[in-house]
């Protein structure tokens, strides 16, 4: 499992990046979600890794 936290705002990001953050289930800066460690999750995280903090659980 991966704990993903949004640490930077999506203001100034492209619309695609905003949709990826929303698809991960993140809403506000500081919000965290726990996701399964799948290739799909990893791919989405890699697209917006500059906005996120990822921790293994």
PDB file of N, CA and C in Angstrom:
ATOM      1  N   UNK A   1       0.846  -1.185   0.000  1.00  0.00           N
ATOM      2  CA  UNK A   1       0.000   0.000   0.000  1.00  0.00           C
ATOM      3  C   UNK A   1       0.889   1.245   0.000  1.00  0.00           C
ATOM      4  N   UNK A   2       0.376   2.304  -0.602  1.00  0.00           N
ATOM      5  CA  UNK A   2       1.096   3.571  -0.683  1.00  0.00           C
ATOM      6  C   UNK A   2       0.258   4.675  -0.054  1.00  0.00           C
ATOM      7  N   UNK A   3       0.872   5.468   0.808  1.00  0.00           N
ATOM      8  CA  UNK A   3       0.209   6.648   1.364  1.00  0.00           C
ATOM      9  C   UNK A   3       0.675   7.841   0.529  1.00  0.00           C
ATOM     10  N   UNK A   4      -0.275   8.499  -0.131  1.00  0.00           N
ATOM     11  CA  UNK A   4       0.027   9.612  -1.026  1.00  0.00           C
ATOM     12  C   UNK A   4      -0.552  10.887  -0.432  1.00  0.00           C
ATOM     13  N   UNK A   5       0.284  11.927  -0.317  1.00  0.00           N
ATOM     14  CA  UNK A   5      -0.129  13.203   0.259  1.00  0.00           C
ATOM     15  C   UNK A   5       0.118  14.306  -0.760  1.00  0.00           C
ATOM     16  N   UNK A   6      -0.880  15.163  -0.951  1.00  0.00           N
ATOM     17  CA  UNK A   6      -0.726  16.326  -1.831  1.00  0.00           C
ATOM     18  C   UNK A   6      -0.015  17.420  -1.039  1.00  0.00           C
ATOM     19  N   UNK A   7       1.215  17.767  -1.452  1.00  0.00           N
ATOM     20  CA  UNK A   7       1.996  18.745  -0.690  1.00  0.00           C
ATOM     21  C   UNK A   7       2.093  20.098  -1.392  1.00  0.00           C
ATOM     22  N   UNK A   8       1.783  20.134  -2.700  1.00  0.00           N
ATOM     23  CA  UNK A   8       1.789  21.396  -3.423  1.00  0.00           C
ATOM     24  C   UNK A   8       0.435  21.582  -4.090  1.00  0.00           C
ATOM     25  N   UNK A   9       0.028  22.821  -4.241  1.00  0.00           N
ATOM     26  CA  UNK A   9      -1.254  23.141  -4.852  1.00  0.00           C
ATOM     27  C   UNK A   9      -1.236  22.842  -6.351  1.00  0.00           C
ATOM     28  N   UNK A  10      -2.414  22.584  -6.898  1.00  0.00           N
ATOM     29  CA  UNK A  10      -2.527  22.354  -8.338  1.00  0.00           C
ATOM     30  C   UNK A  10      -2.729  23.656  -9.106  1.00  0.00           C
ATOM     31  N   UNK A  11      -2.710  24.788  -8.413  1.00  0.00           N
ATOM     32  CA  UNK A  11      -2.816  26.074  -9.095  1.00  0.00           C
ATOM     33  C   UNK A  11      -1.594  26.229 -10.001  1.00  0.00           C
ATOM     34  N   UNK A  12      -1.826  26.532 -11.244  1.00  0.00           N
ATOM     35  CA  UNK A  12      -0.728  26.679 -12.195  1.00  0.00           C
ATOM     36  C   UNK A  12      -0.390  25.387 -12.909  1.00  0.00           C
ATOM     37  N   UNK A  13      -0.975  24.273 -12.495  1.00  0.00           N
ATOM     38  CA  UNK A  13      -0.754  22.996 -13.169  1.00  0.00           C
ATOM     39  C   UNK A  13      -1.637  22.924 -14.408  1.00  0.00           C
ATOM     40  N   UNK A  14      -1.274  22.006 -15.305  1.00  0.00           N
ATOM     41  CA  UNK A  14      -2.085  21.829 -16.509  1.00  0.00           C
ATOM     42  C   UNK A  14      -3.406  21.152 -16.135  1.00  0.00           C
ATOM     43  N   UNK A  15      -4.422  21.309 -16.964  1.00  0.00           N
ATOM     44  CA  UNK A  15      -5.703  20.635 -16.687  1.00  0.00           C
ATOM     45  C   UNK A  15      -5.534  19.116 -16.567  1.00  0.00           C
ATOM     46  N   UNK A  16      -4.634  18.534 -17.353  1.00  0.00           N
ATOM     47  CA  UNK A  16      -4.380  17.095 -17.277  1.00  0.00           C
ATOM     48  C   UNK A  16      -3.859  16.714 -15.895  1.00  0.00           C
ATOM     49  N   UNK A  17      -2.915  17.486 -15.370  1.00  0.00           N
ATOM     50  CA  UNK A  17      -2.361  17.189 -14.049  1.00  0.00           C
ATOM     51  C   UNK A  17      -3.414  17.332 -12.964  1.00  0.00           C
ATOM     52  N   UNK A  18      -4.288  18.312 -13.096  1.00  0.00           N
ATOM     53  CA  UNK A  18      -5.370  18.487 -12.121  1.00  0.00           C
ATOM     54  C   UNK A  18      -6.297  17.277 -12.122  1.00  0.00           C
ATOM     55  N   UNK A  19      -6.587  16.724 -13.302  1.00  0.00           N
ATOM     56  CA  UNK A  19      -7.451  15.554 -13.397  1.00  0.00           C
ATOM     57  C   UNK A  19      -6.788  14.323 -12.797  1.00  0.00           C
ATOM     58  N   UNK A  20      -5.479  14.191 -12.974  1.00  0.00           N
ATOM     59  CA  UNK A  20      -4.754  13.062 -12.393  1.00  0.00           C
ATOM     60  C   UNK A  20      -4.801  13.138 -10.865  1.00  0.00           C
ATOM     61  N   UNK A  21      -4.585  14.328 -10.307  1.00  0.00           N
ATOM     62  CA  UNK A  21      -4.643  14.506  -8.849  1.00  0.00           C
ATOM     63  C   UNK A  21      -6.041  14.169  -8.344  1.00  0.00           C
ATOM     64  N   UNK A  22      -7.062  14.616  -9.043  1.00  0.00           N
ATOM     65  CA  UNK A  22      -8.446  14.318  -8.660  1.00  0.00           C
ATOM     66  C   UNK A  22      -8.723  12.815  -8.757  1.00  0.00           C
ATOM     67  N   UNK A  23      -8.195  12.170  -9.792  1.00  0.00           N
ATOM     68  CA  UNK A  23      -8.403  10.731  -9.977  1.00  0.00           C
ATOM     69  C   UNK A  23      -7.734   9.924  -8.865  1.00  0.00           C
ATOM     70  N   UNK A  24      -6.654  10.441  -8.311  1.00  0.00           N
ATOM     71  CA  UNK A  24      -5.995   9.773  -7.190  1.00  0.00           C
ATOM     72  C   UNK A  24      -6.801   9.913  -5.902  1.00  0.00           C
ATOM     73  N   UNK A  25      -7.811  10.796  -5.899  1.00  0.00           N
ATOM     74  CA  UNK A  25      -8.663  10.967  -4.731  1.00  0.00           C
ATOM     75  C   UNK A  25      -8.201  12.083  -3.815  1.00  0.00           C
ATOM     76  N   UNK A  26      -7.293  12.924  -4.304  1.00  0.00           N
ATOM     77  CA  UNK A  26      -6.773  14.023  -3.485  1.00  0.00           C
ATOM     78  C   UNK A  26      -7.567  15.290  -3.762  1.00  0.00           C
ATOM     79  N   UNK A  27      -7.875  16.031  -2.700  1.00  0.00           N
ATOM     80  CA  UNK A  27      -8.698  17.220  -2.851  1.00  0.00           C
ATOM     81  C   UNK A  27      -7.950  18.494  -2.494  1.00  0.00           C
ATOM     82  N   UNK A  28      -7.471  18.605  -1.274  1.00  0.00           N
ATOM     83  CA  UNK A  28      -6.815  19.829  -0.817  1.00  0.00           C
ATOM     84  C   UNK A  28      -5.349  19.551  -0.494  1.00  0.00           C
ATOM     85  N   UNK A  29      -4.561  20.606  -0.431  1.00  0.00           N
ATOM     86  CA  UNK A  29      -3.181  20.477  -0.011  1.00  0.00           C
ATOM     87  C   UNK A  29      -3.146  19.901   1.411  1.00  0.00           C
ATOM     88  N   UNK A  30      -2.321  18.888   1.609  1.00  0.00           N
ATOM     89  CA  UNK A  30      -2.230  18.237   2.906  1.00  0.00           C
ATOM     90  C   UNK A  30      -3.119  17.011   3.042  1.00  0.00           C
ATOM     91  N   UNK A  31      -3.993  16.781   2.078  1.00  0.00           N
ATOM     92  CA  UNK A  31      -4.900  15.636   2.111  1.00  0.00           C
ATOM     93  C   UNK A  31      -4.140  14.373   1.719  1.00  0.00           C
ATOM     94  N   UNK A  32      -4.382  13.273   2.432  1.00  0.00           N
ATOM     95  CA  UNK A  32      -3.707  12.002   2.174  1.00  0.00           C
ATOM     96  C   UNK A  32      -4.711  10.915   1.844  1.00  0.00           C
ATOM     97  N   UNK A  33      -4.288   9.979   0.998  1.00  0.00           N
ATOM     98  CA  UNK A  33      -5.073   8.784   0.690  1.00  0.00           C
ATOM     99  C   UNK A  33      -4.133   7.591   0.689  1.00  0.00           C
ATOM    100  N   UNK A  34      -4.693   6.414   0.944  1.00  0.00           N
ATOM    101  CA  UNK A  34      -3.923   5.172   0.875  1.00  0.00           C
ATOM    102  C   UNK A  34      -4.395   4.417  -0.357  1.00  0.00           C
ATOM    103  N   UNK A  35      -3.446   4.103  -1.247  1.00  0.00           N
ATOM    104  CA  UNK A  35      -3.754   3.446  -2.514  1.00  0.00           C
ATOM    105  C   UNK A  35      -3.027   2.116  -2.597  1.00  0.00           C
ATOM    106  N   UNK A  36      -3.587   1.155  -3.346  1.00  0.00           N
ATOM    107  CA  UNK A  36      -2.865  -0.101  -3.555  1.00  0.00           C
ATOM    108  C   UNK A  36      -1.653   0.147  -4.449  1.00  0.00           C
ATOM    109  N   UNK A  37      -0.608  -0.643  -4.254  1.00  0.00           N
ATOM    110  CA  UNK A  37       0.624  -0.498  -5.027  1.00  0.00           C
ATOM    111  C   UNK A  37       0.479  -1.270  -6.339  1.00  0.00           C
ATOM    112  N   UNK A  38      -0.196  -0.648  -7.313  1.00  0.00           N
ATOM    113  CA  UNK A  38      -0.414  -1.267  -8.618  1.00  0.00           C
ATOM    114  C   UNK A  38       0.299  -0.444  -9.690  1.00  0.00           C
ATOM    115  N   UNK A  39       0.528  -1.034 -10.863  1.00  0.00           N
ATOM    116  CA  UNK A  39       1.146  -0.257 -11.950  1.00  0.00           C
ATOM    117  C   UNK A  39       0.334   0.984 -12.329  1.00  0.00           C
ATOM    118  N   UNK A  40      -0.997   0.897 -12.230  1.00  0.00           N
ATOM    119  CA  UNK A  40      -1.843   2.033 -12.567  1.00  0.00           C
ATOM    120  C   UNK A  40      -1.644   3.172 -11.572  1.00  0.00           C
ATOM    121  N   UNK A  41      -1.587   2.851 -10.293  1.00  0.00           N
ATOM    122  CA  UNK A  41      -1.357   3.867  -9.266  1.00  0.00           C
ATOM    123  C   UNK A  41       0.023   4.486  -9.423  1.00  0.00           C
ATOM    124  N   UNK A  42       1.026   3.648  -9.650  1.00  0.00           N
ATOM    125  CA  UNK A  42       2.390   4.132  -9.819  1.00  0.00           C
ATOM    126  C   UNK A  42       2.504   5.071 -11.022  1.00  0.00           C
ATOM    127  N   UNK A  43       1.826   4.732 -12.115  1.00  0.00           N
ATOM    128  CA  UNK A  43       1.871   5.576 -13.312  1.00  0.00           C
ATOM    129  C   UNK A  43       1.254   6.941 -13.070  1.00  0.00           C
ATOM    130  N   UNK A  44       0.118   6.977 -12.380  1.00  0.00           N
ATOM    131  CA  UNK A  44      -0.533   8.252 -12.076  1.00  0.00           C
ATOM    132  C   UNK A  44       0.330   9.078 -11.127  1.00  0.00           C
ATOM    133  N   UNK A  45       0.942   8.419 -10.148  1.00  0.00           N
ATOM    134  CA  UNK A  45       1.812   9.120  -9.198  1.00  0.00           C
ATOM    135  C   UNK A  45       3.019   9.709  -9.918  1.00  0.00           C
ATOM    136  N   UNK A  46       3.584   8.970 -10.869  1.00  0.00           N
ATOM    137  CA  UNK A  46       4.748   9.464 -11.610  1.00  0.00           C
ATOM    138  C   UNK A  46       4.420  10.700 -12.440  1.00  0.00           C
ATOM    139  N   UNK A  47       3.181  10.813 -12.921  1.00  0.00           N
ATOM    140  CA  UNK A  47       2.788  11.972 -13.735  1.00  0.00           C
ATOM    141  C   UNK A  47       2.766  13.268 -12.945  1.00  0.00           C
ATOM    142  N   UNK A  48       2.459  13.187 -11.651  1.00  0.00           N
ATOM    143  CA  UNK A  48       2.363  14.397 -10.822  1.00  0.00           C
ATOM    144  C   UNK A  48       3.247  14.281  -9.580  1.00  0.00           C
ATOM    145  N   UNK A  49       4.369  13.591  -9.705  1.00  0.00           N
ATOM    146  CA  UNK A  49       5.237  13.327  -8.550  1.00  0.00           C
ATOM    147  C   UNK A  49       5.785  14.605  -7.921  1.00  0.00           C
ATOM    148  N   UNK A  50       5.879  15.690  -8.709  1.00  0.00           N
ATOM    149  CA  UNK A  50       6.389  16.953  -8.179  1.00  0.00           C
ATOM    150  C   UNK A  50       5.396  17.627  -7.230  1.00  0.00           C
ATOM    151  N   UNK A  51       4.152  17.149  -7.185  1.00  0.00           N
ATOM    152  CA  UNK A  51       3.129  17.718  -6.303  1.00  0.00           C
ATOM    153  C   UNK A  51       2.879  16.845  -5.071  1.00  0.00           C
ATOM    154  N   UNK A  52       3.454  15.638  -5.047  1.00  0.00           N
ATOM    155  CA  UNK A  52       3.081  14.633  -4.055  1.00  0.00           C
ATOM    156  C   UNK A  52       4.244  14.229  -3.166  1.00  0.00           C
ATOM    157  N   UNK A  53       3.868  13.652  -2.013  1.00  0.00           N
ATOM    158  CA  UNK A  53       4.812  12.944  -1.150  1.00  0.00           C
ATOM    159  C   UNK A  53       4.269  11.530  -1.032  1.00  0.00           C
ATOM    160  N   UNK A  54       5.103  10.535  -1.310  1.00  0.00           N
ATOM    161  CA  UNK A  54       4.668   9.129  -1.314  1.00  0.00           C
ATOM    162  C   UNK A  54       5.435   8.365  -0.253  1.00  0.00           C
ATOM    163  N   UNK A  55       4.711   7.585   0.546  1.00  0.00           N
ATOM    164  CA  UNK A  55       5.309   6.758   1.591  1.00  0.00           C
ATOM    165  C   UNK A  55       4.811   5.329   1.437  1.00  0.00           C
ATOM    166  N   UNK A  56       5.716   4.361   1.629  1.00  0.00           N
ATOM    167  CA  UNK A  56       5.322   2.940   1.638  1.00  0.00           C
ATOM    168  C   UNK A  56       4.655   2.635   2.976  1.00  0.00           C
ATOM    169  N   UNK A  57       3.669   1.751   2.941  1.00  0.00           N
ATOM    170  CA  UNK A  57       3.034   1.331   4.197  1.00  0.00           C
ATOM    171  C   UNK A  57       3.115  -0.153   4.337  1.00  0.00           C
TER     172      UNK A  57
END
